[in-house]
Amino acid sequence: MSFEFIELQLAQQKQQHLHRSSIAISGKQARHIKVNDKSFLNFSSNDYLGLASEPALVNAWKKGLICLE
């Protein structure tokens, strides 16, 4: 096989615990996320402070949008 070297590299990475894999997380952006029933603070979202769903800010954004119309 011409791409056997790829399989060898992946096997080496897995053996050395260097193989990375990503986990898809569904749902809205939130300050906390659950992965495998464990809760984590989410620093990888654009909303790590949890302000996108803050009612006072949502209302202010709505008022601002109405003013732009």
PDB file of N, CA and C in Angstrom:
ATOM      1  N   MET A   1       0.856  -1.183   0.000  1.00  0.00           N
ATOM      2  CA  MET A   1       0.000   0.000   0.000  1.00  0.00           C
ATOM      3  C   MET A   1       0.898   1.242   0.000  1.00  0.00           C
ATOM      4  N   SER A   2       0.563   2.211  -0.819  1.00  0.00           N
ATOM      5  CA  SER A   2       1.420   3.388  -0.954  1.00  0.00           C
ATOM      6  C   SER A   2       1.290   4.359   0.218  1.00  0.00           C
ATOM      7  N   PHE A   3       0.224   4.259   0.993  1.00  0.00           N
ATOM      8  CA  PHE A   3       0.028   5.181   2.116  1.00  0.00           C
ATOM      9  C   PHE A   3       0.193   4.466   3.468  1.00  0.00           C
ATOM     10  N   GLU A   4       0.941   3.418   3.462  1.00  0.00           N
ATOM     11  CA  GLU A   4       1.162   2.656   4.688  1.00  0.00           C
ATOM     12  C   GLU A   4       1.863   3.499   5.758  1.00  0.00           C
ATOM     13  N   PHE A   5       2.680   4.439   5.322  1.00  0.00           N
ATOM     14  CA  PHE A   5       3.397   5.287   6.273  1.00  0.00           C
ATOM     15  C   PHE A   5       2.434   6.096   7.143  1.00  0.00           C
ATOM     16  N   ILE A   6       1.261   6.431   6.606  1.00  0.00           N
ATOM     17  CA  ILE A   6       0.276   7.172   7.393  1.00  0.00           C
ATOM     18  C   ILE A   6      -0.240   6.303   8.540  1.00  0.00           C
ATOM     19  N   GLU A   7      -0.562   5.066   8.217  1.00  0.00           N
ATOM     20  CA  GLU A   7      -1.026   4.146   9.260  1.00  0.00           C
ATOM     21  C   GLU A   7       0.043   3.943  10.327  1.00  0.00           C
ATOM     22  N   LEU A   8       1.289   3.871   9.913  1.00  0.00           N
ATOM     23  CA  LEU A   8       2.386   3.701  10.875  1.00  0.00           C
ATOM     24  C   LEU A   8       2.525   4.925  11.778  1.00  0.00           C
ATOM     25  N   GLN A   9       2.431   6.113  11.191  1.00  0.00           N
ATOM     26  CA  GLN A   9       2.532   7.347  11.980  1.00  0.00           C
ATOM     27  C   GLN A   9       1.383   7.444  12.981  1.00  0.00           C
ATOM     28  N   LEU A  10       0.166   7.122  12.539  1.00  0.00           N
ATOM     29  CA  LEU A  10      -0.982   7.161  13.445  1.00  0.00           C
ATOM     30  C   LEU A  10      -0.830   6.158  14.577  1.00  0.00           C
ATOM     31  N   ALA A  11      -0.343   4.987  14.259  1.00  0.00           N
ATOM     32  CA  ALA A  11      -0.136   3.964  15.291  1.00  0.00           C
ATOM     33  C   ALA A  11       0.889   4.435  16.315  1.00  0.00           C
ATOM     34  N   GLN A  12       1.957   5.080  15.842  1.00  0.00           N
ATOM     35  CA  GLN A  12       2.975   5.597  16.758  1.00  0.00           C
ATOM     36  C   GLN A  12       2.398   6.693  17.649  1.00  0.00           C
ATOM     37  N   GLN A  13       1.623   7.586  17.068  1.00  0.00           N
ATOM     38  CA  GLN A  13       1.015   8.660  17.858  1.00  0.00           C
ATOM     39  C   GLN A  13       0.078   8.097  18.928  1.00  0.00           C
ATOM     40  N   LYS A  14      -0.712   7.118  18.555  1.00  0.00           N
ATOM     41  CA  LYS A  14      -1.628   6.508  19.529  1.00  0.00           C
ATOM     42  C   LYS A  14      -0.850   5.816  20.641  1.00  0.00           C
ATOM     43  N   GLN A  15       0.207   5.131  20.286  1.00  0.00           N
ATOM     44  CA  GLN A  15       1.026   4.421  21.271  1.00  0.00           C
ATOM     45  C   GLN A  15       1.679   5.399  22.257  1.00  0.00           C
ATOM     46  N   GLN A  16       2.051   6.572  21.778  1.00  0.00           N
ATOM     47  CA  GLN A  16       2.704   7.576  22.617  1.00  0.00           C
ATOM     48  C   GLN A  16       1.692   8.534  23.259  1.00  0.00           C
ATOM     49  N   HIS A  17       0.411   8.233  23.097  1.00  0.00           N
ATOM     50  CA  HIS A  17      -0.678   9.055  23.646  1.00  0.00           C
ATOM     51  C   HIS A  17      -0.620  10.492  23.112  1.00  0.00           C
ATOM     52  N   LEU A  18      -0.251  10.626  21.843  1.00  0.00           N
ATOM     53  CA  LEU A  18      -0.168  11.934  21.200  1.00  0.00           C
ATOM     54  C   LEU A  18      -1.254  12.126  20.149  1.00  0.00           C
ATOM     55  N   HIS A  19      -2.076  11.124  19.950  1.00  0.00           N
ATOM     56  CA  HIS A  19      -3.131  11.214  18.928  1.00  0.00           C
ATOM     57  C   HIS A  19      -4.267  12.085  19.439  1.00  0.00           C
ATOM     58  N   ARG A  20      -4.618  13.088  18.654  1.00  0.00           N
ATOM     59  CA  ARG A  20      -5.703  14.008  19.029  1.00  0.00           C
ATOM     60  C   ARG A  20      -6.972  13.619  18.318  1.00  0.00           C
ATOM     61  N   SER A  21      -8.070  13.789  18.999  1.00  0.00           N
ATOM     62  CA  SER A  21      -9.371  13.613  18.365  1.00  0.00           C
ATOM     63  C   SER A  21     -10.292  14.702  18.903  1.00  0.00           C
ATOM     64  N   SER A  22     -11.225  15.105  18.071  1.00  0.00           N
ATOM     65  CA  SER A  22     -12.144  16.155  18.491  1.00  0.00           C
ATOM     66  C   SER A  22     -13.512  15.556  18.791  1.00  0.00           C
ATOM     67  N   ILE A  23     -14.228  16.240  19.656  1.00  0.00           N
ATOM     68  CA  ILE A  23     -15.560  15.811  20.057  1.00  0.00           C
ATOM     69  C   ILE A  23     -16.545  16.899  19.645  1.00  0.00           C
ATOM     70  N   ALA A  24     -17.548  16.511  18.884  1.00  0.00           N
ATOM     71  CA  ALA A  24     -18.572  17.473  18.484  1.00  0.00           C
ATOM     72  C   ALA A  24     -19.533  17.679  19.648  1.00  0.00           C
ATOM     73  N   ILE A  25     -19.780  18.935  19.972  1.00  0.00           N
ATOM     74  CA  ILE A  25     -20.696  19.270  21.060  1.00  0.00           C
ATOM     75  C   ILE A  25     -21.846  20.051  20.459  1.00  0.00           C
ATOM     76  N   SER A  26     -23.050  19.542  20.640  1.00  0.00           N
ATOM     77  CA  SER A  26     -24.203  20.217  20.063  1.00  0.00           C
ATOM     78  C   SER A  26     -24.870  21.096  21.110  1.00  0.00           C
ATOM     79  N   GLY A  27     -25.655  22.021  20.636  1.00  0.00           N
ATOM     80  CA  GLY A  27     -26.361  22.912  21.546  1.00  0.00           C
ATOM     81  C   GLY A  27     -25.832  24.321  21.443  1.00  0.00           C
ATOM     82  N   LYS A  28     -26.442  25.199  22.213  1.00  0.00           N
ATOM     83  CA  LYS A  28     -26.037  26.601  22.154  1.00  0.00           C
ATOM     84  C   LYS A  28     -24.706  26.821  22.848  1.00  0.00           C
ATOM     85  N   GLN A  29     -24.090  27.920  22.507  1.00  0.00           N
ATOM     86  CA  GLN A  29     -22.858  28.272  23.191  1.00  0.00           C
ATOM     87  C   GLN A  29     -23.199  28.577  24.636  1.00  0.00           C
ATOM     88  N   ALA A  30     -22.387  28.115  25.519  1.00  0.00           N
ATOM     89  CA  ALA A  30     -22.667  28.325  26.927  1.00  0.00           C
ATOM     90  C   ALA A  30     -21.371  28.412  27.713  1.00  0.00           C
ATOM     91  N   ARG A  31     -21.482  28.918  28.900  1.00  0.00           N
ATOM     92  CA  ARG A  31     -20.329  29.053  29.788  1.00  0.00           C
ATOM     93  C   ARG A  31     -19.835  27.681  30.235  1.00  0.00           C
ATOM     94  N   HIS A  32     -20.764  26.773  30.476  1.00  0.00           N
ATOM     95  CA  HIS A  32     -20.418  25.410  30.874  1.00  0.00           C
ATOM     96  C   HIS A  32     -20.925  24.445  29.817  1.00  0.00           C
ATOM     97  N   ILE A  33     -20.133  23.412  29.550  1.00  0.00           N
ATOM     98  CA  ILE A  33     -20.557  22.369  28.630  1.00  0.00           C
ATOM     99  C   ILE A  33     -20.403  21.026  29.327  1.00  0.00           C
ATOM    100  N   LYS A  34     -21.162  20.049  28.867  1.00  0.00           N
ATOM    101  CA  LYS A  34     -21.052  18.702  29.419  1.00  0.00           C
ATOM    102  C   LYS A  34     -20.501  17.777  28.354  1.00  0.00           C
ATOM    103  N   VAL A  35     -19.482  17.032  28.721  1.00  0.00           N
ATOM    104  CA  VAL A  35     -18.879  16.038  27.859  1.00  0.00           C
ATOM    105  C   VAL A  35     -18.762  14.766  28.676  1.00  0.00           C
ATOM    106  N   ASN A  36     -19.394  13.706  28.200  1.00  0.00           N
ATOM    107  CA  ASN A  36     -19.389  12.429  28.919  1.00  0.00           C
ATOM    108  C   ASN A  36     -19.824  12.601  30.374  1.00  0.00           C
ATOM    109  N   ASP A  37     -20.890  13.350  30.581  1.00  0.00           N
ATOM    110  CA  ASP A  37     -21.473  13.600  31.903  1.00  0.00           C
ATOM    111  C   ASP A  37     -20.549  14.361  32.856  1.00  0.00           C
ATOM    112  N   LYS A  38     -19.517  15.004  32.331  1.00  0.00           N
ATOM    113  CA  LYS A  38     -18.655  15.859  33.146  1.00  0.00           C
ATOM    114  C   LYS A  38     -18.858  17.295  32.710  1.00  0.00           C
ATOM    115  N   SER A  39     -18.895  18.211  33.648  1.00  0.00           N
ATOM    116  CA  SER A  39     -19.107  19.620  33.345  1.00  0.00           C
ATOM    117  C   SER A  39     -17.752  20.330  33.254  1.00  0.00           C
ATOM    118  N   PHE A  40     -17.615  21.154  32.211  1.00  0.00           N
ATOM    119  CA  PHE A  40     -16.383  21.893  31.990  1.00  0.00           C
ATOM    120  C   PHE A  40     -16.700  23.357  31.744  1.00  0.00           C
ATOM    121  N   LEU A  41     -15.806  24.233  32.136  1.00  0.00           N
ATOM    122  CA  LEU A  41     -15.901  25.644  31.796  1.00  0.00           C
ATOM    123  C   LEU A  41     -15.434  25.780  30.352  1.00  0.00           C
ATOM    124  N   ASN A  42     -16.243  26.418  29.516  1.00  0.00           N
ATOM    125  CA  ASN A  42     -15.990  26.470  28.081  1.00  0.00           C
ATOM    126  C   ASN A  42     -15.245  27.746  27.697  1.00  0.00           C
ATOM    127  N   PHE A  43     -13.947  27.631  27.495  1.00  0.00           N
ATOM    128  CA  PHE A  43     -13.137  28.765  27.055  1.00  0.00           C
ATOM    129  C   PHE A  43     -12.974  28.799  25.541  1.00  0.00           C
ATOM    130  N   SER A  44     -13.535  27.836  24.836  1.00  0.00           N
ATOM    131  CA  SER A  44     -13.342  27.771  23.389  1.00  0.00           C
ATOM    132  C   SER A  44     -14.509  28.356  22.607  1.00  0.00           C
ATOM    133  N   SER A  45     -15.488  28.890  23.270  1.00  0.00           N
ATOM    134  CA  SER A  45     -16.611  29.485  22.552  1.00  0.00           C
ATOM    135  C   SER A  45     -16.435  30.995  22.499  1.00  0.00           C
ATOM    136  N   ASN A  46     -17.225  31.627  21.672  1.00  0.00           N
ATOM    137  CA  ASN A  46     -17.208  33.089  21.617  1.00  0.00           C
ATOM    138  C   ASN A  46     -17.986  33.683  22.780  1.00  0.00           C
ATOM    139  N   ASP A  47     -18.622  32.834  23.562  1.00  0.00           N
ATOM    140  CA  ASP A  47     -19.464  33.304  24.661  1.00  0.00           C
ATOM    141  C   ASP A  47     -19.051  32.654  25.987  1.00  0.00           C
ATOM    142  N   TYR A  48     -17.760  32.618  26.264  1.00  0.00           N
ATOM    143  CA  TYR A  48     -17.296  31.945  27.475  1.00  0.00           C
ATOM    144  C   TYR A  48     -17.737  32.653  28.749  1.00  0.00           C
ATOM    145  N   LEU A  49     -18.158  33.905  28.646  1.00  0.00           N
ATOM    146  CA  LEU A  49     -18.669  34.608  29.826  1.00  0.00           C
ATOM    147  C   LEU A  49     -20.164  34.384  30.023  1.00  0.00           C
ATOM    148  N   GLY A  50     -20.818  33.791  29.028  1.00  0.00           N
ATOM    149  CA  GLY A  50     -22.238  33.506  29.129  1.00  0.00           C
ATOM    150  C   GLY A  50     -23.127  34.721  28.947  1.00  0.00           C
ATOM    151  N   LEU A  51     -22.628  35.744  28.257  1.00  0.00           N
ATOM    152  CA  LEU A  51     -23.387  36.985  28.110  1.00  0.00           C
ATOM    153  C   LEU A  51     -24.378  36.954  26.947  1.00  0.00           C
ATOM    154  N   ALA A  52     -24.224  36.040  26.009  1.00  0.00           N
ATOM    155  CA  ALA A  52     -25.099  36.010  24.836  1.00  0.00           C
ATOM    156  C   ALA A  52     -26.546  35.713  25.201  1.00  0.00           C
ATOM    157  N   SER A  53     -26.765  35.023  26.297  1.00  0.00           N
ATOM    158  CA  SER A  53     -28.135  34.700  26.695  1.00  0.00           C
ATOM    159  C   SER A  53     -28.594  35.516  27.909  1.00  0.00           C
ATOM    160  N   GLU A  54     -27.825  36.519  28.294  1.00  0.00           N
ATOM    161  CA  GLU A  54     -28.203  37.389  29.418  1.00  0.00           C
ATOM    162  C   GLU A  54     -29.424  38.218  29.002  1.00  0.00           C
ATOM    163  N   PRO A  55     -30.569  38.089  29.700  1.00  0.00           N
ATOM    164  CA  PRO A  55     -31.801  38.758  29.286  1.00  0.00           C
ATOM    165  C   PRO A  55     -31.666  40.276  29.106  1.00  0.00           C
ATOM    166  N   ALA A  56     -30.958  40.939  29.981  1.00  0.00           N
ATOM    167  CA  ALA A  56     -30.817  42.399  29.860  1.00  0.00           C
ATOM    168  C   ALA A  56     -30.079  42.772  28.575  1.00  0.00           C
ATOM    169  N   LEU A  57     -29.058  42.015  28.226  1.00  0.00           N
ATOM    170  CA  LEU A  57     -28.310  42.298  26.998  1.00  0.00           C
ATOM    171  C   LEU A  57     -29.127  41.953  25.757  1.00  0.00           C
ATOM    172  N   VAL A  58     -29.857  40.851  25.800  1.00  0.00           N
ATOM    173  CA  VAL A  58     -30.698  40.473  24.660  1.00  0.00           C
ATOM    174  C   VAL A  58     -31.734  41.559  24.393  1.00  0.00           C
ATOM    175  N   ASN A  59     -32.352  42.083  25.440  1.00  0.00           N
ATOM    176  CA  ASN A  59     -33.330  43.158  25.274  1.00  0.00           C
ATOM    177  C   ASN A  59     -32.683  44.426  24.721  1.00  0.00           C
ATOM    178  N   ALA A  60     -31.485  44.740  25.180  1.00  0.00           N
ATOM    179  CA  ALA A  60     -30.778  45.921  24.672  1.00  0.00           C
ATOM    180  C   ALA A  60     -30.445  45.749  23.190  1.00  0.00           C
ATOM    181  N   TRP A  61     -30.038  44.539  22.793  1.00  0.00           N
ATOM    182  CA  TRP A  61     -29.748  44.284  21.383  1.00  0.00           C
ATOM    183  C   TRP A  61     -31.013  44.425  20.547  1.00  0.00           C
ATOM    184  N   LYS A  62     -32.137  43.922  21.063  1.00  0.00           N
ATOM    185  CA  LYS A  62     -33.404  44.036  20.344  1.00  0.00           C
ATOM    186  C   LYS A  62     -33.791  45.500  20.158  1.00  0.00           C
ATOM    187  N   LYS A  63     -33.633  46.302  21.208  1.00  0.00           N
ATOM    188  CA  LYS A  63     -33.945  47.736  21.104  1.00  0.00           C
ATOM    189  C   LYS A  63     -33.047  48.412  20.071  1.00  0.00           C
ATOM    190  N   GLY A  64     -31.794  48.038  20.071  1.00  0.00           N
ATOM    191  CA  GLY A  64     -30.845  48.598  19.117  1.00  0.00           C
ATOM    192  C   GLY A  64     -31.202  48.222  17.682  1.00  0.00           C
ATOM    193  N   LEU A  65     -31.662  46.998  17.469  1.00  0.00           N
ATOM    194  CA  LEU A  65     -32.060  46.581  16.135  1.00  0.00           C
ATOM    195  C   LEU A  65     -33.295  47.323  15.654  1.00  0.00           C
ATOM    196  N   ILE A  66     -34.243  47.563  16.568  1.00  0.00           N
ATOM    197  CA  ILE A  66     -35.456  48.294  16.209  1.00  0.00           C
ATOM    198  C   ILE A  66     -35.096  49.712  15.789  1.00  0.00           C
ATOM    199  N   CYS A  67     -34.142  50.310  16.470  1.00  0.00           N
ATOM    200  CA  CYS A  67     -33.721  51.672  16.148  1.00  0.00           C
ATOM    201  C   CYS A  67     -33.073  51.754  14.768  1.00  0.00           C
ATOM    202  N   LEU A  68     -32.457  50.681  14.334  1.00  0.00           N
ATOM    203  CA  LEU A  68     -31.784  50.668  13.033  1.00  0.00           C
ATOM    204  C   LEU A  68     -32.743  50.534  11.873  1.00  0.00           C
ATOM    205  N   GLU A  69     -33.941  50.056  12.136  1.00  0.00           N
ATOM    206  CA  GLU A  69     -34.923  49.849  11.041  1.00  0.00           C
ATOM    207  C   GLU A  69     -35.460  51.147  10.514  1.00  0.00           C
TER     208      GLU A  69
END
